[in-house]
């Protein structure tokens, strides 16, 4: 797994009544039980009305040898089509918008984890 960085990626300021994107450099770690799956300081926090805040992490800071692509796919009119990822013993732990709508390009290819299924630590 890549060492955490504090580099910021350029992104468009995209705000709708429903969604706000907030890049930050607080360290975020994702665990499945005692196993560290992700560790980064290059995060985009997505705040969406009526949903919990989600941390979108660069794929390069996620141990992608553990999750596999799930059969689940969803569509959000404000973000686009998502692809889900699972662990052998836990379905749909994370998702990614590989080709989001243009206004959401900042989260393209990044993963967000389901904090009800994974342990998410934000410093």
C-alpha atoms as a PDB file:
ATOM      1  CA  UNK A   1       0.000   0.000   0.000  1.00  0.00           C
ATOM      2  CA  UNK A   2       1.241   3.463  -0.901  1.00  0.00           C
ATOM      3  CA  UNK A   3       2.430   5.736   1.892  1.00  0.00           C
ATOM      4  CA  UNK A   4      -0.075   8.524   2.770  1.00  0.00           C
ATOM      5  CA  UNK A   5       0.453  11.816   0.982  1.00  0.00           C
ATOM      6  CA  UNK A   6      -0.719  15.351   1.604  1.00  0.00           C
ATOM      7  CA  UNK A   7      -0.887  16.316  -2.065  1.00  0.00           C
ATOM      8  CA  UNK A   8      -4.071  18.087  -3.187  1.00  0.00           C
ATOM      9  CA  UNK A   9      -5.607  17.406  -6.558  1.00  0.00           C
ATOM     10  CA  UNK A  10      -7.180  20.264  -8.492  1.00  0.00           C
ATOM     11  CA  UNK A  11     -10.941  20.060  -8.657  1.00  0.00           C
ATOM     12  CA  UNK A  12     -13.816  22.139  -9.827  1.00  0.00           C
ATOM     13  CA  UNK A  13     -15.882  23.814  -7.166  1.00  0.00           C
ATOM     14  CA  UNK A  14     -19.124  21.907  -7.549  1.00  0.00           C
ATOM     15  CA  UNK A  15     -22.029  22.765  -5.347  1.00  0.00           C
ATOM     16  CA  UNK A  16     -25.672  21.864  -5.799  1.00  0.00           C
ATOM     17  CA  UNK A  17     -28.457  22.111  -3.266  1.00  0.00           C
ATOM     18  CA  UNK A  18     -27.782  18.395  -2.647  1.00  0.00           C
ATOM     19  CA  UNK A  19     -23.999  17.878  -2.950  1.00  0.00           C
ATOM     20  CA  UNK A  20     -20.831  19.659  -1.812  1.00  0.00           C
ATOM     21  CA  UNK A  21     -17.260  18.426  -2.341  1.00  0.00           C
ATOM     22  CA  UNK A  22     -14.589  19.290   0.223  1.00  0.00           C
ATOM     23  CA  UNK A  23     -10.983  18.195  -0.366  1.00  0.00           C
ATOM     24  CA  UNK A  24      -8.969  17.769   2.809  1.00  0.00           C
ATOM     25  CA  UNK A  25      -5.685  16.332   4.039  1.00  0.00           C
ATOM     26  CA  UNK A  26      -6.837  14.727   7.302  1.00  0.00           C
ATOM     27  CA  UNK A  27      -5.640  11.150   7.499  1.00  0.00           C
ATOM     28  CA  UNK A  28      -8.316   8.569   6.727  1.00  0.00           C
ATOM     29  CA  UNK A  29      -7.872   4.866   7.445  1.00  0.00           C
ATOM     30  CA  UNK A  30     -10.296   2.099   6.507  1.00  0.00           C
ATOM     31  CA  UNK A  31     -10.275  -1.214   8.380  1.00  0.00           C
ATOM     32  CA  UNK A  32     -12.067  -4.514   7.956  1.00  0.00           C
ATOM     33  CA  UNK A  33     -11.840  -5.980  11.413  1.00  0.00           C
ATOM     34  CA  UNK A  34      -8.079  -5.666  12.167  1.00  0.00           C
ATOM     35  CA  UNK A  35      -6.965  -5.428   8.537  1.00  0.00           C
ATOM     36  CA  UNK A  36      -6.001  -2.039   7.159  1.00  0.00           C
ATOM     37  CA  UNK A  37      -7.473  -1.621   3.654  1.00  0.00           C
ATOM     38  CA  UNK A  38      -6.769   2.051   3.027  1.00  0.00           C
ATOM     39  CA  UNK A  39      -4.587   4.811   4.425  1.00  0.00           C
ATOM     40  CA  UNK A  40      -4.466   8.270   2.877  1.00  0.00           C
ATOM     41  CA  UNK A  41      -4.344  12.011   3.433  1.00  0.00           C
ATOM     42  CA  UNK A  42      -5.614  12.782  -0.064  1.00  0.00           C
ATOM     43  CA  UNK A  43      -9.368  12.822   0.465  1.00  0.00           C
ATOM     44  CA  UNK A  44     -12.441  14.395  -1.034  1.00  0.00           C
ATOM     45  CA  UNK A  45     -15.307  14.520   1.405  1.00  0.00           C
ATOM     46  CA  UNK A  46     -18.683  14.406  -0.305  1.00  0.00           C
ATOM     47  CA  UNK A  47     -21.574  15.919   1.617  1.00  0.00           C
ATOM     48  CA  UNK A  48     -24.955  15.000   0.209  1.00  0.00           C
ATOM     49  CA  UNK A  49     -28.285  16.103   1.635  1.00  0.00           C
ATOM     50  CA  UNK A  50     -30.037  13.321   3.577  1.00  0.00           C
ATOM     51  CA  UNK A  51     -26.940  11.038   3.469  1.00  0.00           C
ATOM     52  CA  UNK A  52     -23.904  10.636   5.748  1.00  0.00           C
ATOM     53  CA  UNK A  53     -20.670  12.335   4.716  1.00  0.00           C
ATOM     54  CA  UNK A  54     -18.506  10.083   2.558  1.00  0.00           C
ATOM     55  CA  UNK A  55     -14.736  10.105   2.210  1.00  0.00           C
ATOM     56  CA  UNK A  56     -13.607   9.437  -1.385  1.00  0.00           C
ATOM     57  CA  UNK A  57     -10.116   7.942  -1.380  1.00  0.00           C
ATOM     58  CA  UNK A  58      -7.688   7.546  -4.277  1.00  0.00           C
ATOM     59  CA  UNK A  59      -7.532   3.973  -5.497  1.00  0.00           C
ATOM     60  CA  UNK A  60      -3.723   4.127  -5.227  1.00  0.00           C
ATOM     61  CA  UNK A  61      -4.073   4.398  -1.425  1.00  0.00           C
ATOM     62  CA  UNK A  62      -6.398   1.382  -1.147  1.00  0.00           C
ATOM     63  CA  UNK A  63      -5.154  -2.206  -0.964  1.00  0.00           C
ATOM     64  CA  UNK A  64      -7.005  -3.320  -4.099  1.00  0.00           C
ATOM     65  CA  UNK A  65      -5.780  -6.926  -3.683  1.00  0.00           C
ATOM     66  CA  UNK A  66      -8.562  -7.486  -1.124  1.00  0.00           C
ATOM     67  CA  UNK A  67     -11.860  -6.205  -2.626  1.00  0.00           C
ATOM     68  CA  UNK A  68     -13.342  -7.585  -5.824  1.00  0.00           C
ATOM     69  CA  UNK A  69     -15.884  -6.042  -8.154  1.00  0.00           C
ATOM     70  CA  UNK A  70     -19.434  -6.786  -7.070  1.00  0.00           C
ATOM     71  CA  UNK A  71     -22.437  -7.397  -9.292  1.00  0.00           C
ATOM     72  CA  UNK A  72     -24.204  -4.379  -7.739  1.00  0.00           C
ATOM     73  CA  UNK A  73     -24.493  -1.240  -9.860  1.00  0.00           C
ATOM     74  CA  UNK A  74     -26.468   1.882  -9.035  1.00  0.00           C
ATOM     75  CA  UNK A  75     -27.230   5.164 -10.768  1.00  0.00           C
ATOM     76  CA  UNK A  76     -27.356   8.579  -9.125  1.00  0.00           C
ATOM     77  CA  UNK A  77     -28.577  11.484 -11.272  1.00  0.00           C
ATOM     78  CA  UNK A  78     -26.195  13.812  -9.404  1.00  0.00           C
ATOM     79  CA  UNK A  79     -23.088  11.603  -9.717  1.00  0.00           C
ATOM     80  CA  UNK A  80     -23.584   8.940 -12.392  1.00  0.00           C
ATOM     81  CA  UNK A  81     -23.198   5.143 -12.417  1.00  0.00           C
ATOM     82  CA  UNK A  82     -21.327   3.437  -9.604  1.00  0.00           C
ATOM     83  CA  UNK A  83     -19.439   0.178  -9.377  1.00  0.00           C
ATOM     84  CA  UNK A  84     -19.425  -1.693  -6.057  1.00  0.00           C
ATOM     85  CA  UNK A  85     -16.712  -3.745  -4.365  1.00  0.00           C
ATOM     86  CA  UNK A  86     -16.989  -6.645  -1.925  1.00  0.00           C
ATOM     87  CA  UNK A  87     -14.806  -8.765   0.323  1.00  0.00           C
ATOM     88  CA  UNK A  88     -15.174 -12.547   0.370  1.00  0.00           C
ATOM     89  CA  UNK A  89     -17.220 -12.360   3.587  1.00  0.00           C
ATOM     90  CA  UNK A  90     -18.876  -8.938   3.173  1.00  0.00           C
ATOM     91  CA  UNK A  91     -20.834  -7.610   0.210  1.00  0.00           C
ATOM     92  CA  UNK A  92     -20.759  -4.093  -1.206  1.00  0.00           C
ATOM     93  CA  UNK A  93     -18.293  -2.473   1.179  1.00  0.00           C
ATOM     94  CA  UNK A  94     -17.279   0.312  -1.195  1.00  0.00           C
ATOM     95  CA  UNK A  95     -18.230   1.988  -4.440  1.00  0.00           C
ATOM     96  CA  UNK A  96     -16.645   4.100  -7.119  1.00  0.00           C
ATOM     97  CA  UNK A  97     -17.845   6.402  -9.877  1.00  0.00           C
ATOM     98  CA  UNK A  98     -15.387   5.563 -12.635  1.00  0.00           C
ATOM     99  CA  UNK A  99     -17.116   7.839 -15.163  1.00  0.00           C
ATOM    100  CA  UNK A 100     -19.171  10.344 -13.159  1.00  0.00           C
ATOM    101  CA  UNK A 101     -21.033  13.272 -14.642  1.00  0.00           C
ATOM    102  CA  UNK A 102     -18.683  16.103 -15.622  1.00  0.00           C
ATOM    103  CA  UNK A 103     -19.376  18.207 -12.529  1.00  0.00           C
ATOM    104  CA  UNK A 104     -18.321  15.319 -10.302  1.00  0.00           C
ATOM    105  CA  UNK A 105     -15.079  14.476 -12.121  1.00  0.00           C
ATOM    106  CA  UNK A 106     -13.114  15.127  -8.909  1.00  0.00           C
ATOM    107  CA  UNK A 107     -14.329  11.792  -7.477  1.00  0.00           C
ATOM    108  CA  UNK A 108     -13.695   9.770 -10.653  1.00  0.00           C
ATOM    109  CA  UNK A 109     -12.037   6.461  -9.801  1.00  0.00           C
ATOM    110  CA  UNK A 110     -11.955   7.162  -6.075  1.00  0.00           C
ATOM    111  CA  UNK A 111     -13.528   4.773  -3.582  1.00  0.00           C
ATOM    112  CA  UNK A 112     -15.976   5.530  -0.810  1.00  0.00           C
ATOM    113  CA  UNK A 113     -16.478   2.924   1.892  1.00  0.00           C
ATOM    114  CA  UNK A 114     -19.693   2.031   3.687  1.00  0.00           C
ATOM    115  CA  UNK A 115     -19.010   3.149   7.248  1.00  0.00           C
ATOM    116  CA  UNK A 116     -21.762   0.801   8.498  1.00  0.00           C
ATOM    117  CA  UNK A 117     -19.723  -2.174   7.250  1.00  0.00           C
ATOM    118  CA  UNK A 118     -16.145  -0.935   7.661  1.00  0.00           C
ATOM    119  CA  UNK A 119     -14.295   0.962  10.369  1.00  0.00           C
ATOM    120  CA  UNK A 120     -13.437   4.434   9.115  1.00  0.00           C
ATOM    121  CA  UNK A 121     -11.005   6.523  11.156  1.00  0.00           C
ATOM    122  CA  UNK A 122     -10.668  10.214  10.275  1.00  0.00           C
ATOM    123  CA  UNK A 123      -8.025  12.216  12.138  1.00  0.00           C
END
